[in-house]
C-alpha atoms as a PDB file:
ATOM      1  CA  UNK A   1      54.511 107.101-118.736  1.00  0.00           C
ATOM      2  CA  UNK A   2      53.117 103.406-119.347  1.00  0.00           C
ATOM      3  CA  UNK A   3      55.842 100.973-118.931  1.00  0.00           C
ATOM      4  CA  UNK A   4      54.031  97.949-120.576  1.00  0.00           C
ATOM      5  CA  UNK A   5      56.251  98.260-123.635  1.00  0.00           C
ATOM      6  CA  UNK A   6      59.560  99.265-123.915  1.00  0.00           C
ATOM      7  CA  UNK A   7      61.838 102.565-124.331  1.00  0.00           C
ATOM      8  CA  UNK A   8      63.481 102.378-127.742  1.00  0.00           C
ATOM      9  CA  UNK A   9      66.694 104.346-128.029  1.00  0.00           C
ATOM     10  CA  UNK A  10      66.114 104.819-131.486  1.00  0.00           C
ATOM     11  CA  UNK A  11      63.590 103.782-134.369  1.00  0.00           C
ATOM     12  CA  UNK A  12      65.527 103.770-137.769  1.00  0.00           C
ATOM     13  CA  UNK A  13      65.911 106.178-140.133  1.00  0.00           C
ATOM     14  CA  UNK A  14      63.189 108.598-138.722  1.00  0.00           C
ATOM     15  CA  UNK A  15      64.944 109.287-135.778  1.00  0.00           C
ATOM     16  CA  UNK A  16      68.394 109.672-137.130  1.00  0.00           C
ATOM     17  CA  UNK A  17      70.224 112.422-135.754  1.00  0.00           C
ATOM     18  CA  UNK A  18      69.407 115.324-137.525  1.00  0.00           C
ATOM     19  CA  UNK A  19      66.426 114.386-138.562  1.00  0.00           C
ATOM     20  CA  UNK A  20      64.975 113.627-134.613  1.00  0.00           C
ATOM     21  CA  UNK A  21      66.498 116.707-133.880  1.00  0.00           C
ATOM     22  CA  UNK A  22      64.464 119.136-136.474  1.00  0.00           C
ATOM     23  CA  UNK A  23      61.320 116.750-135.050  1.00  0.00           C
ATOM     24  CA  UNK A  24      62.231 117.733-130.958  1.00  0.00           C
ATOM     25  CA  UNK A  25      61.997 121.342-131.835  1.00  0.00           C
ATOM     26  CA  UNK A  26      58.522 123.892-131.626  1.00  0.00           C
ATOM     27  CA  UNK A  27      60.049 125.632-135.126  1.00  0.00           C
ATOM     28  CA  UNK A  28      56.765 127.760-135.378  1.00  0.00           C
ATOM     29  CA  UNK A  29      57.131 129.156-131.542  1.00  0.00           C
ATOM     30  CA  UNK A  30      60.798 129.689-132.255  1.00  0.00           C
ATOM     31  CA  UNK A  31      60.887 131.077-135.944  1.00  0.00           C
ATOM     32  CA  UNK A  32      58.362 133.709-134.797  1.00  0.00           C
ATOM     33  CA  UNK A  33      60.497 134.456-132.100  1.00  0.00           C
ATOM     34  CA  UNK A  34      63.832 135.381-134.223  1.00  0.00           C
ATOM     35  CA  UNK A  35      62.766 135.822-137.460  1.00  0.00           C
ATOM     36  CA  UNK A  36      61.516 139.285-136.927  1.00  0.00           C
ATOM     37  CA  UNK A  37      64.435 140.908-134.754  1.00  0.00           C
ATOM     38  CA  UNK A  38      66.679 139.020-137.259  1.00  0.00           C
ATOM     39  CA  UNK A  39      65.155 141.105-140.056  1.00  0.00           C
ATOM     40  CA  UNK A  40      65.382 144.127-138.118  1.00  0.00           C
ATOM     41  CA  UNK A  41      69.093 143.811-137.587  1.00  0.00           C
ATOM     42  CA  UNK A  42      70.411 142.720-140.823  1.00  0.00           C
ATOM     43  CA  UNK A  43      68.218 145.010-142.346  1.00  0.00           C
ATOM     44  CA  UNK A  44      66.221 144.729-145.753  1.00  0.00           C
ATOM     45  CA  UNK A  45      66.955 141.960-148.235  1.00  0.00           C
ATOM     46  CA  UNK A  46      69.882 143.280-150.427  1.00  0.00           C
ATOM     47  CA  UNK A  47      71.939 142.287-153.086  1.00  0.00           C
ATOM     48  CA  UNK A  48      75.047 141.163-151.170  1.00  0.00           C
ATOM     49  CA  UNK A  49      72.819 138.559-149.248  1.00  0.00           C
ATOM     50  CA  UNK A  50      73.155 136.897-145.903  1.00  0.00           C
ATOM     51  CA  UNK A  51      75.259 133.786-143.881  1.00  0.00           C
ATOM     52  CA  UNK A  52      73.712 131.305-141.408  1.00  0.00           C
ATOM     53  CA  UNK A  53      76.465 129.930-140.513  1.00  0.00           C
ATOM     54  CA  UNK A  54      76.345 127.104-137.896  1.00  0.00           C
ATOM     55  CA  UNK A  55      72.698 126.381-140.062  1.00  0.00           C
ATOM     56  CA  UNK A  56      71.856 123.121-139.081  1.00  0.00           C
ATOM     57  CA  UNK A  57      68.592 122.111-140.235  1.00  0.00           C
ATOM     58  CA  UNK A  58      68.028 125.503-142.047  1.00  0.00           C
ATOM     59  CA  UNK A  59      64.966 126.599-140.435  1.00  0.00           C
ATOM     60  CA  UNK A  60      65.983 130.351-140.519  1.00  0.00           C
ATOM     61  CA  UNK A  61      67.423 129.894-143.651  1.00  0.00           C
ATOM     62  CA  UNK A  62      64.342 128.911-145.826  1.00  0.00           C
ATOM     63  CA  UNK A  63      62.336 131.679-143.525  1.00  0.00           C
ATOM     64  CA  UNK A  64      64.949 134.998-144.295  1.00  0.00           C
ATOM     65  CA  UNK A  65      64.617 132.974-147.895  1.00  0.00           C
ATOM     66  CA  UNK A  66      61.170 133.273-148.152  1.00  0.00           C
ATOM     67  CA  UNK A  67      61.336 137.207-146.610  1.00  0.00           C
ATOM     68  CA  UNK A  68      63.179 138.079-149.933  1.00  0.00           C
ATOM     69  CA  UNK A  69      66.499 137.453-149.247  1.00  0.00           C
ATOM     70  CA  UNK A  70      69.242 135.373-150.441  1.00  0.00           C
ATOM     71  CA  UNK A  71      70.972 132.883-147.646  1.00  0.00           C
ATOM     72  CA  UNK A  72      73.978 130.946-147.976  1.00  0.00           C
ATOM     73  CA  UNK A  73      73.241 128.331-144.825  1.00  0.00           C
ATOM     74  CA  UNK A  74      76.735 126.994-143.739  1.00  0.00           C
ATOM     75  CA  UNK A  75      77.122 124.029-141.801  1.00  0.00           C
ATOM     76  CA  UNK A  76      80.161 120.882-140.655  1.00  0.00           C
ATOM     77  CA  UNK A  77      77.603 118.125-140.592  1.00  0.00           C
ATOM     78  CA  UNK A  78      76.370 116.341-143.954  1.00  0.00           C
ATOM     79  CA  UNK A  79      73.751 115.140-141.944  1.00  0.00           C
ATOM     80  CA  UNK A  80      71.906 118.403-141.092  1.00  0.00           C
ATOM     81  CA  UNK A  81      72.323 119.888-144.178  1.00  0.00           C
ATOM     82  CA  UNK A  82      71.338 116.985-145.791  1.00  0.00           C
ATOM     83  CA  UNK A  83      67.754 117.415-143.593  1.00  0.00           C
ATOM     84  CA  UNK A  84      68.145 121.475-144.479  1.00  0.00           C
ATOM     85  CA  UNK A  85      67.758 120.654-148.283  1.00  0.00           C
ATOM     86  CA  UNK A  86      64.951 119.103-147.670  1.00  0.00           C
ATOM     87  CA  UNK A  87      63.141 121.291-145.878  1.00  0.00           C
ATOM     88  CA  UNK A  88      64.181 123.795-148.701  1.00  0.00           C
ATOM     89  CA  UNK A  89      62.892 122.307-151.235  1.00  0.00           C
ATOM     90  CA  UNK A  90      60.643 124.302-152.673  1.00  0.00           C
ATOM     91  CA  UNK A  91      61.762 125.726-155.765  1.00  0.00           C
ATOM     92  CA  UNK A  92      61.563 129.143-154.915  1.00  0.00           C
ATOM     93  CA  UNK A  93      64.177 129.651-152.519  1.00  0.00           C
ATOM     94  CA  UNK A  94      66.894 131.034-152.946  1.00  0.00           C
ATOM     95  CA  UNK A  95      68.808 129.626-150.110  1.00  0.00           C
ATOM     96  CA  UNK A  96      72.033 127.106-150.888  1.00  0.00           C
ATOM     97  CA  UNK A  97      73.644 125.232-148.306  1.00  0.00           C
ATOM     98  CA  UNK A  98      77.488 124.438-147.817  1.00  0.00           C
ATOM     99  CA  UNK A  99      79.600 121.825-146.290  1.00  0.00           C
ATOM    100  CA  UNK A 100      81.893 123.203-144.215  1.00  0.00           C
ATOM    101  CA  UNK A 101      83.803 124.397-140.714  1.00  0.00           C
ATOM    102  CA  UNK A 102      84.155 127.471-139.552  1.00  0.00           C
ATOM    103  CA  UNK A 103      87.628 127.535-140.532  1.00  0.00           C
ATOM    104  CA  UNK A 104      87.154 127.096-143.855  1.00  0.00           C
ATOM    105  CA  UNK A 105      84.468 129.239-144.078  1.00  0.00           C
ATOM    106  CA  UNK A 106      85.294 132.323-145.825  1.00  0.00           C
ATOM    107  CA  UNK A 107      87.345 130.068-148.395  1.00  0.00           C
ATOM    108  CA  UNK A 108      84.623 128.273-149.493  1.00  0.00           C
ATOM    109  CA  UNK A 109      81.916 131.199-149.809  1.00  0.00           C
ATOM    110  CA  UNK A 110      83.759 134.498-150.159  1.00  0.00           C
ATOM    111  CA  UNK A 111      83.409 137.771-148.383  1.00  0.00           C
ATOM    112  CA  UNK A 112      81.002 140.588-149.389  1.00  0.00           C
ATOM    113  CA  UNK A 113      78.050 139.082-147.743  1.00  0.00           C
ATOM    114  CA  UNK A 114      75.555 141.758-146.189  1.00  0.00           C
ATOM    115  CA  UNK A 115      75.263 140.766-143.067  1.00  0.00           C
ATOM    116  CA  UNK A 116      75.907 136.858-141.057  1.00  0.00           C
ATOM    117  CA  UNK A 117      73.685 135.940-137.735  1.00  0.00           C
ATOM    118  CA  UNK A 118      75.426 132.530-135.937  1.00  0.00           C
ATOM    119  CA  UNK A 119      71.711 131.132-133.639  1.00  0.00           C
ATOM    120  CA  UNK A 120      71.172 128.299-131.071  1.00  0.00           C
ATOM    121  CA  UNK A 121      74.385 127.775-129.970  1.00  0.00           C
ATOM    122  CA  UNK A 122      76.388 127.701-132.752  1.00  0.00           C
ATOM    123  CA  UNK A 123      79.537 129.311-131.696  1.00  0.00           C
ATOM    124  CA  UNK A 124      79.695 127.996-128.312  1.00  0.00           C
ATOM    125  CA  UNK A 125      79.479 124.215-130.509  1.00  0.00           C
ATOM    126  CA  UNK A 126      82.846 125.238-131.674  1.00  0.00           C
ATOM    127  CA  UNK A 127      83.871 123.551-128.635  1.00  0.00           C
ATOM    128  CA  UNK A 128      87.308 124.926-127.951  1.00  0.00           C
ATOM    129  CA  UNK A 129      88.470 129.157-127.186  1.00  0.00           C
ATOM    130  CA  UNK A 130      90.329 128.796-130.304  1.00  0.00           C
ATOM    131  CA  UNK A 131      87.567 127.336-132.079  1.00  0.00           C
ATOM    132  CA  UNK A 132      85.738 130.281-131.045  1.00  0.00           C
ATOM    133  CA  UNK A 133      88.211 132.796-131.603  1.00  0.00           C
ATOM    134  CA  UNK A 134      88.701 131.523-135.623  1.00  0.00           C
ATOM    135  CA  UNK A 135      84.680 131.265-135.955  1.00  0.00           C
ATOM    136  CA  UNK A 136      84.442 134.769-135.133  1.00  0.00           C
ATOM    137  CA  UNK A 137      87.107 136.023-137.915  1.00  0.00           C
ATOM    138  CA  UNK A 138      85.505 134.086-140.522  1.00  0.00           C
ATOM    139  CA  UNK A 139      82.413 135.522-139.703  1.00  0.00           C
ATOM    140  CA  UNK A 140      83.692 138.891-140.442  1.00  0.00           C
ATOM    141  CA  UNK A 141      85.790 138.318-143.274  1.00  0.00           C
ATOM    142  CA  UNK A 142      82.722 137.164-144.980  1.00  0.00           C
ATOM    143  CA  UNK A 143      80.793 140.188-144.180  1.00  0.00           C
ATOM    144  CA  UNK A 144      81.360 143.374-146.234  1.00  0.00           C
ATOM    145  CA  UNK A 145      82.218 147.327-143.942  1.00  0.00           C
ATOM    146  CA  UNK A 146      78.873 147.689-142.688  1.00  0.00           C
ATOM    147  CA  UNK A 147      77.902 144.509-143.000  1.00  0.00           C
ATOM    148  CA  UNK A 148      75.785 143.475-139.621  1.00  0.00           C
ATOM    149  CA  UNK A 149      76.783 140.437-137.614  1.00  0.00           C
ATOM    150  CA  UNK A 150      73.693 138.777-134.798  1.00  0.00           C
ATOM    151  CA  UNK A 151      75.750 136.460-132.561  1.00  0.00           C
ATOM    152  CA  UNK A 152      73.023 134.385-130.141  1.00  0.00           C
ATOM    153  CA  UNK A 153      74.310 131.756-127.322  1.00  0.00           C
ATOM    154  CA  UNK A 154      73.697 130.201-123.862  1.00  0.00           C
ATOM    155  CA  UNK A 155      74.122 132.076-121.228  1.00  0.00           C
ATOM    156  CA  UNK A 156      76.289 130.234-119.524  1.00  0.00           C
ATOM    157  CA  UNK A 157      77.482 131.970-116.448  1.00  0.00           C
ATOM    158  CA  UNK A 158      74.093 130.545-114.516  1.00  0.00           C
ATOM    159  CA  UNK A 159      74.994 126.686-115.332  1.00  0.00           C
ATOM    160  CA  UNK A 160      77.989 126.775-112.734  1.00  0.00           C
ATOM    161  CA  UNK A 161      75.965 127.511-109.774  1.00  0.00           C
ATOM    162  CA  UNK A 162      72.379 125.505-110.608  1.00  0.00           C
ATOM    163  CA  UNK A 163      73.309 122.059-110.164  1.00  0.00           C
ATOM    164  CA  UNK A 164      71.672 119.981-111.574  1.00  0.00           C
ATOM    165  CA  UNK A 165      71.427 122.395-114.447  1.00  0.00           C
ATOM    166  CA  UNK A 166      68.456 121.119-116.287  1.00  0.00           C
ATOM    167  CA  UNK A 167      66.341 123.314-119.355  1.00  0.00           C
ATOM    168  CA  UNK A 168      63.060 122.375-120.478  1.00  0.00           C
ATOM    169  CA  UNK A 169      60.406 120.496-120.715  1.00  0.00           C
ATOM    170  CA  UNK A 170      60.360 122.147-124.870  1.00  0.00           C
ATOM    171  CA  UNK A 171      57.568 120.689-126.679  1.00  0.00           C
ATOM    172  CA  UNK A 172      56.872 120.139-130.331  1.00  0.00           C
ATOM    173  CA  UNK A 173      54.110 118.308-132.204  1.00  0.00           C
ATOM    174  CA  UNK A 174      54.771 116.746-135.069  1.00  0.00           C
ATOM    175  CA  UNK A 175      52.335 114.715-137.782  1.00  0.00           C
ATOM    176  CA  UNK A 176      50.266 114.300-134.868  1.00  0.00           C
ATOM    177  CA  UNK A 177      53.069 113.302-132.042  1.00  0.00           C
ATOM    178  CA  UNK A 178      53.416 115.138-129.345  1.00  0.00           C
ATOM    179  CA  UNK A 179      57.615 114.968-128.627  1.00  0.00           C
ATOM    180  CA  UNK A 180      59.412 116.179-124.752  1.00  0.00           C
ATOM    181  CA  UNK A 181      62.748 117.520-124.388  1.00  0.00           C
ATOM    182  CA  UNK A 182      64.387 118.483-121.999  1.00  0.00           C
ATOM    183  CA  UNK A 183      68.842 119.442-121.377  1.00  0.00           C
ATOM    184  CA  UNK A 184      71.218 118.745-118.810  1.00  0.00           C
ATOM    185  CA  UNK A 185      74.411 120.810-118.940  1.00  0.00           C
ATOM    186  CA  UNK A 186      77.394 120.170-116.826  1.00  0.00           C
ATOM    187  CA  UNK A 187      80.818 121.826-116.169  1.00  0.00           C
ATOM    188  CA  UNK A 188      83.446 119.034-117.143  1.00  0.00           C
ATOM    189  CA  UNK A 189      86.903 120.088-117.827  1.00  0.00           C
ATOM    190  CA  UNK A 190      86.031 123.408-118.657  1.00  0.00           C
ATOM    191  CA  UNK A 191      83.583 122.915-121.427  1.00  0.00           C
ATOM    192  CA  UNK A 192      79.959 122.516-121.062  1.00  0.00           C
ATOM    193  CA  UNK A 193      78.420 118.763-121.741  1.00  0.00           C
ATOM    194  CA  UNK A 194      74.946 119.166-123.091  1.00  0.00           C
ATOM    195  CA  UNK A 195      71.936 116.247-122.932  1.00  0.00           C
ATOM    196  CA  UNK A 196      69.235 116.725-124.720  1.00  0.00           C
ATOM    197  CA  UNK A 197      66.650 113.491-123.860  1.00  0.00           C
ATOM    198  CA  UNK A 198      63.551 113.690-126.035  1.00  0.00           C
ATOM    199  CA  UNK A 199      60.584 111.096-125.032  1.00  0.00           C
ATOM    200  CA  UNK A 200      57.884 110.527-127.106  1.00  0.00           C
ATOM    201  CA  UNK A 201      54.926 107.859-127.402  1.00  0.00           C
ATOM    202  CA  UNK A 202      53.497 106.161-130.696  1.00  0.00           C
ATOM    203  CA  UNK A 203      53.405 102.213-130.504  1.00  0.00           C
ATOM    204  CA  UNK A 204      55.391 102.844-126.902  1.00  0.00           C
ATOM    205  CA  UNK A 205      57.371 104.951-125.125  1.00  0.00           C
ATOM    206  CA  UNK A 206      60.256 106.015-127.277  1.00  0.00           C
ATOM    207  CA  UNK A 207      63.036 108.105-125.929  1.00  0.00           C
ATOM    208  CA  UNK A 208      66.566 109.285-127.744  1.00  0.00           C
ATOM    209  CA  UNK A 209      69.240 111.023-126.475  1.00  0.00           C
ATOM    210  CA  UNK A 210      72.679 112.636-127.401  1.00  0.00           C
ATOM    211  CA  UNK A 211      75.593 114.742-126.005  1.00  0.00           C
ATOM    212  CA  UNK A 212      77.552 117.241-127.372  1.00  0.00           C
ATOM    213  CA  UNK A 213      80.222 119.866-125.938  1.00  0.00           C
ATOM    214  CA  UNK A 214      80.191 123.334-126.114  1.00  0.00           C
ATOM    215  CA  UNK A 215      82.975 126.393-125.158  1.00  0.00           C
ATOM    216  CA  UNK A 216      80.939 128.557-122.602  1.00  0.00           C
ATOM    217  CA  UNK A 217      82.089 131.516-124.184  1.00  0.00           C
ATOM    218  CA  UNK A 218      81.973 134.740-122.364  1.00  0.00           C
ATOM    219  CA  UNK A 219      80.645 138.185-122.802  1.00  0.00           C
ATOM    220  CA  UNK A 220      84.226 139.447-121.699  1.00  0.00           C
ATOM    221  CA  UNK A 221      85.246 137.402-124.539  1.00  0.00           C
ATOM    222  CA  UNK A 222      83.048 137.533-127.187  1.00  0.00           C
ATOM    223  CA  UNK A 223      84.222 141.602-126.751  1.00  0.00           C
ATOM    224  CA  UNK A 224      87.423 140.715-127.593  1.00  0.00           C
ATOM    225  CA  UNK A 225      87.531 138.117-129.950  1.00  0.00           C
ATOM    226  CA  UNK A 226      85.154 140.947-132.109  1.00  0.00           C
ATOM    227  CA  UNK A 227      87.154 143.816-131.226  1.00  0.00           C
ATOM    228  CA  UNK A 228      90.221 141.380-133.178  1.00  0.00           C
ATOM    229  CA  UNK A 229      88.128 141.209-135.614  1.00  0.00           C
ATOM    230  CA  UNK A 230      87.333 144.353-136.746  1.00  0.00           C
ATOM    231  CA  UNK A 231      83.739 143.821-135.237  1.00  0.00           C
ATOM    232  CA  UNK A 232      82.159 146.827-133.565  1.00  0.00           C
ATOM    233  CA  UNK A 233      79.683 145.672-131.031  1.00  0.00           C
ATOM    234  CA  UNK A 234      76.325 147.520-131.330  1.00  0.00           C
ATOM    235  CA  UNK A 235      73.885 145.690-128.754  1.00  0.00           C
ATOM    236  CA  UNK A 236      74.254 143.274-125.887  1.00  0.00           C
ATOM    237  CA  UNK A 237      70.578 142.000-125.263  1.00  0.00           C
ATOM    238  CA  UNK A 238      69.907 139.128-122.671  1.00  0.00           C
ATOM    239  CA  UNK A 239      66.835 137.282-124.797  1.00  0.00           C
ATOM    240  CA  UNK A 240      65.219 137.792-128.395  1.00  0.00           C
ATOM    241  CA  UNK A 241      62.704 140.621-126.537  1.00  0.00           C
ATOM    242  CA  UNK A 242      66.253 142.758-126.805  1.00  0.00           C
ATOM    243  CA  UNK A 243      66.407 142.958-122.747  1.00  0.00           C
ATOM    244  CA  UNK A 244      69.197 144.089-120.971  1.00  0.00           C
ATOM    245  CA  UNK A 245      71.582 141.469-120.572  1.00  0.00           C
ATOM    246  CA  UNK A 246      72.139 139.856-116.582  1.00  0.00           C
ATOM    247  CA  UNK A 247      74.803 137.972-115.923  1.00  0.00           C
ATOM    248  CA  UNK A 248      72.695 135.909-113.750  1.00  0.00           C
ATOM    249  CA  UNK A 249      69.245 135.969-114.981  1.00  0.00           C
ATOM    250  CA  UNK A 250      69.860 136.253-118.311  1.00  0.00           C
ATOM    251  CA  UNK A 251      69.269 132.510-120.591  1.00  0.00           C
ATOM    252  CA  UNK A 252      71.049 133.746-123.168  1.00  0.00           C
ATOM    253  CA  UNK A 253      73.735 136.060-124.814  1.00  0.00           C
ATOM    254  CA  UNK A 254      72.609 137.921-127.576  1.00  0.00           C
ATOM    255  CA  UNK A 255      75.206 140.436-129.442  1.00  0.00           C
ATOM    256  CA  UNK A 256      74.360 142.336-132.576  1.00  0.00           C
ATOM    257  CA  UNK A 257      77.619 143.890-134.877  1.00  0.00           C
ATOM    258  CA  UNK A 258      78.749 146.377-137.220  1.00  0.00           C
ATOM    259  CA  UNK A 259      81.836 145.413-139.696  1.00  0.00           C
ATOM    260  CA  UNK A 260      84.397 147.885-139.687  1.00  0.00           C
END
């Protein structure tokens, strides 16, 4: 790294938290990995529409809409949704974004949806065990009987023994600028503290870091939470390639379920 120029921690509005996050993800690769399996699990577009729970900057919601689905994206962060609405500027998209918590989701959007998905640790970002329980209950209430759910969280079990736990680097290129991100995970008081650090270079080197908190929900817990919410688990996978889940080896914990 050329240290002749200072490392900045932020560069104004362009790298506010949400906009920075949007530029730190390799979206073409992620969309190519996620969307086909989502479409397969949720089934073809129907009149009931689908829900993107914890939609963030709305990239998946927009892609699902382009494929014929009516999508309602829900997120607690108004800043993330501001970026999401910008990403959905194409007037042909049938997508709506609402600023609500998981706890108020059913009240905000109602029920009867054909399906729901929750990706990228958004469920774990509920932050506590009770928060995850409430979120799963709300997911179930929003989906009609026979509707499908797709939930993906990080498999937290390897983090307990892998010290230090570093994931990445992730590389994304936006408007000719390359962004390199790494994540550091640490168990702290029964929760997982995750720090995301991104570096990029234009007129010098810059960095942006953000710390968040996740609840390390386990498969056994999810089985219990889903059963209590009248959700029948159909599949448990270790990644988007549908490989079997392994407690120690799998990077992800992916569940598909049906509302019964």
